[in-house]
Protein backbone atom coordinates (compact mmCIF):
# COMPACT_ATOMS: atom_id res chain seq x y z
CA MET A 1 -53.00 5.93 14.65
CA ASN A 2 -51.14 8.16 12.19
CA ARG A 3 -48.12 7.14 10.14
CA ARG A 4 -45.57 8.72 12.49
CA GLU A 5 -46.98 6.79 15.45
CA LEU A 6 -47.04 3.54 13.45
CA LEU A 7 -43.42 3.92 12.35
CA SER A 8 -42.41 4.80 15.87
CA LEU A 9 -44.13 1.69 17.24
CA VAL A 10 -42.77 -0.66 14.58
CA GLY A 11 -39.35 0.95 14.58
CA ALA A 12 -39.02 0.49 18.33
CA GLY A 13 -38.95 -3.26 17.81
CA PHE A 14 -36.14 -2.96 15.30
CA GLY A 15 -34.13 -0.83 17.68
CA SER A 16 -33.00 -3.98 19.43
CA VAL A 17 -31.12 -5.00 16.30
CA GLY A 18 -28.32 -3.09 18.01
CA LEU A 19 -25.69 -0.52 17.36
CA SER A 20 -28.09 2.29 18.11
CA SER A 21 -25.15 4.57 18.83
CA LEU A 22 -23.70 3.79 15.41
CA LEU A 23 -26.75 3.95 13.16
CA ALA A 24 -26.14 7.49 11.96
CA ALA A 25 -22.46 6.77 11.50
CA THR A 26 -22.93 3.63 9.46
CA SER A 27 -25.76 4.44 7.10
CA ARG A 28 -25.26 2.92 3.66
CA SER A 29 -26.26 5.00 0.69
CA SER A 30 -25.36 5.30 -2.95
CA SER A 31 -22.89 7.98 -1.89
CA LEU A 32 -20.92 5.29 -0.03
CA ALA A 33 -20.56 3.04 -3.05
CA VAL A 34 -16.95 2.56 -4.14
CA ARG A 35 -15.89 5.34 -6.50
CA ALA A 36 -12.85 5.70 -8.70
CA PRO A 37 -10.17 8.12 -7.51
CA HIS A 38 -9.16 11.17 -9.52
CA PHE A 39 -5.96 9.39 -10.64
CA PRO A 40 -4.25 6.06 -9.90
CA ALA A 41 -3.85 5.64 -6.15
CA ARG A 42 -0.87 4.35 -4.22
CA ALA A 43 -2.94 3.56 -1.11
CA LYS A 44 -6.45 2.25 -0.49
CA HIS A 45 -6.65 2.53 3.30
CA VAL A 46 -5.43 4.81 6.09
CA ILE A 47 -4.61 3.94 9.71
CA PHE A 48 -4.00 7.03 11.85
CA LEU A 49 -2.36 6.20 15.18
CA PHE A 50 -3.00 9.34 17.19
CA LEU A 51 -0.75 9.81 20.24
CA ASN A 52 -3.04 12.46 21.66
CA GLY A 53 -1.60 14.99 24.08
CA GLY A 54 1.65 15.97 22.37
CA LEU A 55 4.53 13.64 21.52
CA SER A 56 7.89 15.26 22.35
CA GLN A 57 9.96 15.32 19.17
CA VAL A 58 13.29 15.96 20.96
CA ASP A 59 12.76 12.86 23.12
CA THR A 60 11.69 10.48 20.36
CA PHE A 61 12.60 11.03 16.69
CA ASP A 62 14.40 14.39 16.44
CA PRO A 63 17.66 14.23 18.45
CA LYS A 64 19.51 17.47 19.16
CA PRO A 65 23.18 17.30 20.24
CA MET A 66 23.14 21.06 20.86
CA LEU A 67 20.39 20.52 23.41
CA ASP A 68 22.71 18.18 25.30
CA ARG A 69 25.56 20.69 25.20
CA HIS A 70 23.46 23.62 26.36
CA ASP A 71 21.41 21.82 28.97
CA GLY A 72 20.38 24.39 31.59
CA ASP A 73 21.15 27.42 29.41
CA PRO A 74 18.51 29.86 28.18
CA LEU A 75 17.24 29.35 24.64
CA PRO A 76 19.29 31.79 22.51
CA GLY A 77 17.50 34.87 21.25
CA PRO A 78 14.51 36.80 22.58
CA LYS A 79 12.32 35.22 25.24
CA ILE A 80 9.83 32.87 23.56
CA LYS A 81 6.19 33.03 24.60
CA THR A 82 4.78 29.54 25.12
CA ASP A 83 1.44 28.27 26.39
CA ARG A 84 2.81 28.18 29.94
CA ALA A 85 5.95 29.76 31.34
CA SER A 86 9.08 27.95 30.19
CA GLY A 87 12.52 27.93 31.75
CA ASN A 88 15.92 26.99 30.37
CA LEU A 89 16.83 24.26 27.91
CA MET A 90 16.55 20.67 29.13
CA LYS A 91 18.33 17.83 27.40
CA SER A 92 16.49 14.59 26.72
CA PRO A 93 16.82 12.03 29.51
CA PHE A 94 16.68 9.32 26.82
CA ARG A 95 19.52 8.07 24.63
CA PHE A 96 19.30 7.97 20.85
CA ARG A 97 20.86 5.41 18.55
CA GLN A 98 21.16 4.99 14.80
CA CYS A 99 18.78 2.36 13.45
CA GLY A 100 18.30 0.38 10.27
CA GLN A 101 20.13 0.71 6.97
CA SER A 102 19.10 4.36 6.84
CA GLY A 103 20.88 5.16 10.09
CA LEU A 104 18.06 7.38 11.33
CA HIS A 105 18.33 8.21 15.01
CA VAL A 106 15.54 6.90 17.23
CA SER A 107 15.09 7.22 21.00
CA GLU A 108 15.67 4.22 23.21
CA ILE A 109 12.01 4.38 24.29
CA PHE A 110 10.96 3.24 20.77
CA PRO A 111 13.26 0.24 20.20
CA ARG A 112 10.80 -1.77 18.06
CA VAL A 113 9.94 1.21 15.87
CA GLY A 114 13.68 1.79 15.60
CA GLU A 115 14.09 -1.72 14.20
CA ALA A 116 11.45 -0.89 11.56
CA ILE A 117 12.58 2.70 10.89
CA ASP A 118 13.54 1.89 7.30
CA ASP A 119 9.80 1.59 6.63
CA PHE A 120 9.06 5.08 8.00
CA CYS A 121 9.31 8.58 6.64
CA VAL A 122 10.07 10.82 9.63
CA ILE A 123 8.69 14.32 9.01
CA ARG A 124 10.64 16.50 11.45
CA SER A 125 9.29 19.87 10.34
CA MET A 126 5.61 19.84 11.23
CA HIS A 127 4.20 23.13 12.50
CA SER A 128 0.73 24.23 13.52
CA ASP A 129 -1.26 27.36 14.38
CA ASN A 130 -2.52 27.21 17.96
CA GLY A 131 -0.87 26.01 21.17
CA ASN A 132 -4.06 24.71 22.78
CA HIS A 133 -5.17 21.10 22.50
CA GLU A 134 -8.68 21.68 21.18
CA PRO A 135 -7.94 23.72 18.05
CA SER A 136 -4.79 21.70 17.33
CA LEU A 137 -6.64 18.38 17.60
CA LEU A 138 -9.32 19.72 15.27
CA LEU A 139 -6.75 21.01 12.81
CA MET A 140 -4.90 17.70 12.67
CA SER A 141 -8.12 15.67 12.42
CA CYS A 142 -10.34 17.96 10.35
CA GLY A 143 -8.09 20.53 8.65
CA HIS A 144 -9.71 23.43 10.53
CA GLN A 145 -9.35 24.80 14.05
CA LEU A 146 -13.09 25.26 14.60
CA PRO A 147 -15.61 22.44 15.17
CA GLY A 148 -18.26 21.68 12.58
CA HIS A 149 -15.94 20.67 9.74
CA PRO A 150 -15.73 17.10 8.41
CA SER A 151 -12.88 14.95 9.66
CA MET A 152 -10.23 13.55 7.34
CA GLY A 153 -11.87 10.11 7.53
CA SER A 154 -15.17 11.64 6.43
CA TRP A 155 -13.54 13.36 3.47
CA VAL A 156 -11.79 10.11 2.49
CA THR A 157 -15.02 8.10 2.49
CA TYR A 158 -16.82 10.96 0.74
CA GLY A 159 -14.22 10.81 -2.02
CA LEU A 160 -13.77 7.06 -2.36
CA GLY A 161 -16.75 5.35 -0.73
CA SER A 162 -16.27 2.14 1.22
CA GLU A 163 -15.41 -1.40 0.17
CA ASN A 164 -17.47 -3.32 2.74
CA GLU A 165 -21.23 -2.74 2.78
CA ASN A 166 -21.54 -4.48 6.15
CA LEU A 167 -19.15 -2.24 8.05
CA PRO A 168 -18.66 1.53 8.43
CA GLY A 169 -16.21 3.10 6.02
CA PHE A 170 -14.58 5.10 8.82
CA VAL A 171 -14.01 3.65 12.30
CA VAL A 172 -12.60 5.43 15.37
CA LEU A 173 -11.13 3.37 18.22
CA CYS A 174 -10.74 5.01 21.62
CA PRO A 175 -11.47 3.55 25.07
CA GLY A 176 -13.34 6.70 26.10
CA SER A 177 -12.95 10.09 24.51
CA PRO A 178 -9.97 12.29 23.69
CA THR A 179 -10.13 16.01 24.32
CA VAL A 180 -12.80 17.55 22.01
CA GLY A 181 -14.38 14.11 21.44
CA PRO A 182 -16.93 13.42 18.66
CA PRO A 183 -16.20 16.58 16.61
CA LEU A 184 -12.85 14.93 15.78
CA TRP A 185 -14.63 12.24 13.74
CA SER A 186 -17.74 14.18 12.75
CA SER A 187 -18.95 14.34 9.17
CA GLY A 188 -19.70 18.04 9.74
CA PHE A 189 -21.73 19.40 6.85
CA LEU A 190 -21.18 16.25 4.78
CA PRO A 191 -24.01 13.67 4.86
CA ASN A 192 -23.98 11.73 8.13
CA SER A 193 -23.23 8.51 6.25
CA PHE A 194 -19.58 9.66 6.26
CA GLN A 195 -19.31 10.11 10.01
CA GLY A 196 -16.81 8.03 11.95
CA ALA A 197 -18.20 5.14 13.99
CA HIS A 198 -16.73 5.37 17.49
CA ILE A 199 -15.92 2.04 19.16
CA ARG A 200 -14.73 2.00 22.78
CA ASN A 201 -11.93 -0.53 22.52
CA ASN A 202 -11.46 -0.94 26.28
CA GLU A 203 -13.62 -4.07 26.26
CA THR A 204 -12.36 -7.51 25.32
CA GLU A 205 -15.72 -9.22 24.83
CA THR A 206 -17.37 -8.42 21.52
CA GLU A 207 -20.85 -8.24 23.05
CA LYS A 208 -19.63 -5.44 25.33
CA LEU A 209 -17.39 -3.82 22.76
CA VAL A 210 -20.25 -3.27 20.33
CA GLN A 211 -23.30 -3.05 22.54
CA ASN A 212 -26.64 -4.52 21.49
CA ILE A 213 -25.06 -6.31 18.56
CA ARG A 214 -27.39 -9.27 19.17
CA ASN A 215 -31.17 -9.12 19.22
CA ALA A 216 -32.22 -10.77 22.47
CA THR A 217 -35.84 -11.38 21.42
CA LEU A 218 -36.03 -11.81 17.64
CA GLY A 219 -34.22 -14.13 15.26
CA PRO A 220 -32.96 -13.16 11.79
CA ASP A 221 -36.14 -14.22 9.99
CA ASP A 222 -38.40 -12.16 12.25
CA GLN A 223 -36.08 -9.19 11.90
CA LYS A 224 -36.16 -9.50 8.13
CA ARG A 225 -39.96 -9.43 8.20
CA GLN A 226 -39.91 -6.32 10.41
CA LEU A 227 -37.43 -4.63 8.13
CA SER A 228 -39.49 -5.58 5.08
CA LEU A 229 -42.62 -4.03 6.63
CA LEU A 230 -40.77 -0.83 7.48
CA ASP A 231 -39.35 -0.71 3.99
CA ARG A 232 -42.78 -1.06 2.35
CA LEU A 233 -44.27 1.65 4.58
CA ASN A 234 -41.40 4.03 3.97
CA ARG A 235 -41.25 3.41 0.22
CA SER A 236 -44.97 4.02 -0.03
CA TYR A 237 -44.54 7.30 1.81
CA LEU A 238 -41.61 8.31 -0.39
CA GLY A 239 -43.63 7.47 -3.48
CA ARG A 240 -46.27 9.99 -2.43
CA LEU A 241 -44.00 12.72 -1.04
CA GLY A 242 -40.88 12.46 -3.18
CA GLN A 243 -37.24 12.30 -2.15
CA GLN A 244 -36.62 12.60 1.61
CA PRO A 245 -32.88 12.29 2.35
CA ALA A 246 -33.33 12.02 6.12
CA LEU A 247 -35.83 9.18 5.83
CA GLU A 248 -33.79 7.39 3.19
CA SER A 249 -30.75 7.65 5.45
CA SER A 250 -32.73 6.07 8.29
CA ILE A 251 -33.81 3.20 6.04
CA GLU A 252 -30.22 2.56 5.04
CA ALA A 253 -29.06 2.79 8.65
CA MET A 254 -31.46 0.05 9.69
CA GLU A 255 -30.37 -2.12 6.78
CA ILE A 256 -26.67 -1.89 7.57
CA ALA A 257 -27.37 -2.38 11.28
CA PHE A 258 -29.05 -5.65 10.35
CA ARG A 259 -26.14 -6.75 8.16
CA MET A 260 -23.60 -5.80 10.81
CA GLN A 261 -24.99 -8.43 13.17
CA THR A 262 -23.11 -11.00 11.12
CA GLU A 263 -19.99 -9.07 10.09
CA ALA A 264 -19.13 -6.91 13.12
CA PRO A 265 -18.75 -9.64 15.78
CA ARG A 266 -16.37 -11.54 13.55
CA VAL A 267 -14.20 -8.54 12.66
CA PHE A 268 -14.01 -6.88 16.08
CA ASP A 269 -13.41 -10.16 17.91
CA ILE A 270 -9.63 -10.21 18.18
CA THR A 271 -9.79 -13.62 19.86
CA LYS A 272 -10.11 -14.90 16.29
CA GLU A 273 -6.40 -14.14 16.04
CA LYS A 274 -3.87 -16.61 17.39
CA LYS A 275 -2.84 -16.08 20.99
CA SER A 276 0.72 -15.52 19.83
CA VAL A 277 -0.47 -12.63 17.64
CA ARG A 278 -2.54 -11.07 20.43
CA SER A 279 0.32 -11.27 22.91
CA ARG A 280 2.59 -9.34 20.55
CA TYR A 281 0.20 -6.39 20.61
CA GLY A 282 -0.28 -6.49 24.39
CA GLU A 283 -3.24 -6.56 26.73
CA HIS A 284 -4.02 -2.86 26.72
CA ASP A 285 -6.30 -0.50 24.83
CA PHE A 286 -3.80 0.84 22.30
CA GLY A 287 -2.47 -2.61 21.44
CA ARG A 288 -6.00 -3.93 20.94
CA GLY A 289 -6.79 -0.87 18.86
CA CYS A 290 -3.86 -1.52 16.54
CA LEU A 291 -4.85 -5.16 16.12
CA MET A 292 -8.47 -4.18 15.45
CA ALA A 293 -7.25 -1.62 12.90
CA LEU A 294 -5.37 -4.40 11.10
CA ARG A 295 -8.49 -6.56 10.98
CA LEU A 296 -10.74 -3.70 9.89
CA VAL A 297 -8.46 -2.73 7.00
CA GLU A 298 -8.24 -6.41 6.06
CA HIS A 299 -12.06 -6.41 5.78
CA GLY A 300 -12.25 -3.34 3.56
CA VAL A 301 -12.71 -0.44 6.00
CA ARG A 302 -11.36 2.67 4.34
CA MET A 303 -9.95 4.55 7.35
CA VAL A 304 -9.31 3.68 11.00
CA GLN A 305 -8.22 6.25 13.57
CA VAL A 306 -6.80 4.84 16.81
CA PHE A 307 -6.43 7.24 19.73
CA TYR A 308 -3.89 6.26 22.36
CA GLY A 309 -6.33 6.80 25.21
CA ASP A 310 -8.79 9.08 26.97
CA PHE A 311 -8.24 12.80 27.34
CA GLN A 312 -4.57 13.65 26.47
CA PRO A 313 -2.18 11.02 27.86
CA TRP A 314 0.98 12.34 26.11
CA ASP A 315 0.59 15.80 27.67
CA SER A 316 3.73 15.54 29.82
CA HIS A 317 3.82 18.93 31.54
CA ASP A 318 5.02 17.51 34.83
CA ASP A 319 7.64 14.91 33.92
CA ILE A 320 8.88 14.00 30.46
CA MET A 321 10.03 10.66 31.86
CA ASP A 322 6.36 9.69 31.59
CA HIS A 323 6.96 9.40 27.84
CA GLY A 324 8.96 6.25 28.59
CA ARG A 325 5.95 4.58 30.21
CA LEU A 326 3.64 5.68 27.40
CA ALA A 327 6.05 4.50 24.71
CA ARG A 328 6.25 1.02 26.21
CA ARG A 329 2.61 0.53 25.23
CA ALA A 330 2.88 2.25 21.85
CA ASP A 331 6.20 0.94 20.51
CA GLY A 332 5.38 -2.75 20.13
CA PRO A 333 1.90 -2.38 18.60
CA ILE A 334 3.14 0.16 16.03
CA ALA A 335 5.94 -2.16 14.94
CA CYS A 336 3.63 -5.20 14.96
CA LEU A 337 1.10 -3.39 12.81
CA VAL A 338 3.75 -2.68 10.17
CA GLU A 339 4.99 -6.26 10.31
CA ASP A 340 1.53 -7.84 10.08
CA LEU A 341 0.37 -5.55 7.28
CA LYS A 342 3.37 -6.83 5.34
CA LEU A 343 2.61 -10.46 6.17
CA ARG A 344 -0.99 -10.05 4.99
CA GLY A 345 -0.03 -8.23 1.80
CA LEU A 346 -1.60 -4.93 2.91
CA PHE A 347 1.39 -2.72 3.70
CA ASP A 348 1.83 -1.25 0.24
CA GLU A 349 -1.84 -0.28 0.02
CA THR A 350 -2.22 1.02 3.59
CA LEU A 351 -0.90 4.39 4.70
CA ILE A 352 0.07 4.51 8.39
CA ILE A 353 0.27 7.87 10.19
CA VAL A 354 1.78 8.17 13.68
CA GLY A 355 1.59 11.57 15.33
CA SER A 356 0.10 14.09 17.73
CA GLU A 357 -1.66 17.44 17.57
CA PHE A 358 1.67 19.21 18.31
CA GLY A 359 5.04 18.62 19.93
CA ARG A 360 6.77 19.84 23.07
CA THR A 361 9.30 22.53 23.89
CA PRO A 362 13.00 21.80 24.33
CA MET A 363 12.81 24.02 27.42
CA ILE A 364 11.72 22.84 30.81
CA GLN A 365 8.26 23.97 31.85
CA ASN A 366 8.57 26.49 34.65
CA SER A 367 5.08 27.73 35.45
CA GLY A 368 5.16 26.75 39.12
CA LEU A 369 2.36 24.22 38.64
CA GLU A 370 4.56 21.14 38.31
CA LYS A 371 5.05 18.65 41.11
CA ILE A 372 8.29 17.28 39.69
CA GLY A 373 9.45 20.05 37.39
CA ARG A 374 10.88 17.94 34.58
CA GLY A 375 8.17 18.41 31.98
CA ARG A 376 7.80 20.22 28.69
CA ASP A 377 5.13 22.60 27.41
CA HIS A 378 3.15 22.51 24.15
CA ASN A 379 5.06 23.40 20.99
CA VAL A 380 3.39 24.13 17.65
CA HIS A 381 6.48 25.61 15.99
CA GLY A 382 8.19 22.31 15.24
CA TYR A 383 7.27 18.67 15.83
CA THR A 384 7.41 15.21 14.26
CA THR A 385 4.97 12.95 12.42
CA LEU A 386 5.75 9.50 10.99
CA LEU A 387 4.35 7.99 7.79
CA ALA A 388 4.77 4.44 6.49
CA GLY A 389 3.42 2.23 3.70
CA GLY A 390 1.05 3.32 0.95
CA GLY A 391 3.48 4.99 -1.45
CA VAL A 392 5.78 6.73 1.07
CA LYS A 393 9.59 6.53 1.01
CA GLY A 394 10.92 4.62 3.99
CA GLY A 395 14.13 5.39 5.87
CA LEU A 396 13.79 9.09 5.10
CA ALA A 397 14.02 12.11 7.39
CA TYR A 398 12.15 15.01 5.79
CA GLY A 399 12.52 18.59 6.95
CA ALA A 400 14.30 19.79 10.07
CA THR A 401 13.94 21.93 13.15
CA ASP A 402 16.54 24.35 14.51
CA ASP A 403 19.54 23.27 16.58
CA PHE A 404 17.40 22.89 19.71
CA GLY A 405 14.31 21.28 18.16
CA PHE A 406 12.00 24.22 18.75
CA LYS A 407 11.03 25.57 15.33
CA ALA A 408 10.75 24.08 11.83
CA THR A 409 13.47 25.62 9.67
CA GLU A 410 13.74 23.31 6.64
CA ASN A 411 10.78 22.23 4.48
CA PRO A 412 8.09 23.24 7.01
CA VAL A 413 4.96 21.05 6.84
CA HIS A 414 1.53 22.28 7.93
CA PRO A 415 -1.29 19.82 8.75
CA ASN A 416 -2.98 20.99 5.53
CA ASP A 417 0.12 19.84 3.63
CA LEU A 418 -0.03 16.49 5.39
CA HIS A 419 -3.71 16.13 4.47
CA ALA A 420 -3.05 17.09 0.84
CA THR A 421 -0.37 14.38 0.70
CA VAL A 422 -2.61 11.74 2.28
CA LEU A 423 -5.37 12.47 -0.22
CA HIS A 424 -2.86 12.40 -3.08
CA LEU A 425 -1.66 8.94 -2.05
CA LEU A 426 -5.30 7.83 -2.10
CA GLY A 427 -5.64 9.13 -5.65
CA LEU A 428 -7.55 12.28 -4.69
CA ASP A 429 -6.72 15.85 -5.70
CA HIS A 430 -7.28 17.88 -2.54
CA LYS A 431 -8.31 20.93 -4.61
CA ARG A 432 -10.96 18.96 -6.49
CA LEU A 433 -12.39 17.12 -3.48
CA THR A 434 -14.91 19.79 -2.49
CA TYR A 435 -18.41 20.05 -1.06
CA ARG A 436 -20.82 22.95 -1.54
CA HIS A 437 -22.04 24.27 1.80
CA SER A 438 -23.46 27.59 2.92
CA GLY A 439 -22.78 29.25 -0.41
CA ARG A 440 -19.16 28.19 -0.93
CA ASP A 441 -17.05 25.17 -1.75
CA PHE A 442 -15.21 23.62 1.20
CA ARG A 443 -12.33 21.16 1.23
CA LEU A 444 -10.23 19.34 3.83
CA THR A 445 -7.22 21.57 3.16
CA ASP A 446 -9.18 24.84 3.41
CA VAL A 447 -7.35 27.30 1.11
CA GLY A 448 -3.88 25.79 1.65
CA GLY A 449 -2.11 22.48 1.37
CA LYS A 450 0.67 21.24 -0.88
CA VAL A 451 1.58 17.67 -1.75
CA LEU A 452 4.95 16.61 -0.29
CA ARG A 453 6.19 14.99 -3.49
CA GLU A 454 9.72 14.54 -2.11
CA ILE A 455 8.50 11.84 0.29
CA LEU A 456 6.60 9.83 -2.33
CA SER A 457 8.18 6.58 -3.48
């Protein structure tokens, strides 16, 4: 029996330690040790609440009185080309009201967020490059429109490492898969130790949530002996052959998988929270995701990305009234997350992002494909993203779209600018956080990005 066969045989026994789908994503190496930022940081953690599909800015956080007045009229100016054919202007079916001390206007479908709006910076001037979901999702998550680039969470852990050696530094919570899927949390050309660990948060039992977390046949002592044997064999091999990054990564993956047997069930088990806390977040995937994000940050995870659901639930081509149903499940958990981060002393060191890959048109969609005919098409020219905590000014509206909410006209913000600002709040200079690959230096912000200093507290 040669060495490869021996390792395969012995390693097969350790496979039952669990988390086989997460081993590559959770490998612990010296590169994941905590590192000092480039300069003093305002935030230590990031929670990205991704309302995938396209949140309509004119129906949520960017009210337009002119849209009400010109309901049914054509959008002034030349005919605008959108992803699908668009008709005349359509006013929001939802009422807006002024909220908080800041008096920012918030739609009635987000009453709880409205109550907490003084904690949020509302960026109303986001704009992007491509009207299709796939490239826009990649741009918002990875800074580039093409797959193969590291996600923001991967860049963050690459720059800062992770605080908990028993958990991944970057966790992604989604009950299934959004459009595009794993490339949204890939480590790309960075070492795979920085890849996001995807957890399907549609399960309530920890054993089902993180499959194979328990070894059904071996106890901890037997597993330690197995791991020790594997370690001696691998170290002996490395001593003869020299450095082997892939093998070293596998060793570290098995070690963290072993340690996670103790830590992961405790952290992901939201039943450890009081019933009153759980009921505030709701018995649905997004609510559980927000509560898990709170617990993960509390236990030192560097970044958590929570997708609202499978595919693209906020893609309301047919009927914008569907935003009301979607918001009922998003509103409470977002507000609860802010409130509980404050109660646990984590709000000031945790940056919360709430947003989508793009927004929606102020015009009605008129492509002939709609059953109801009250929907809106994709809009990359102007949309809204919310930030809270972690060194951001609350109660602030930054930037603006035109009178109808179609195009950013004041202080336009590109996803690369948003990423540069997030890294800055974490103490990282986006121009210095680079990785040499294929003959050139890459960064999250590509060749763009500017820090939005006006929104910093």
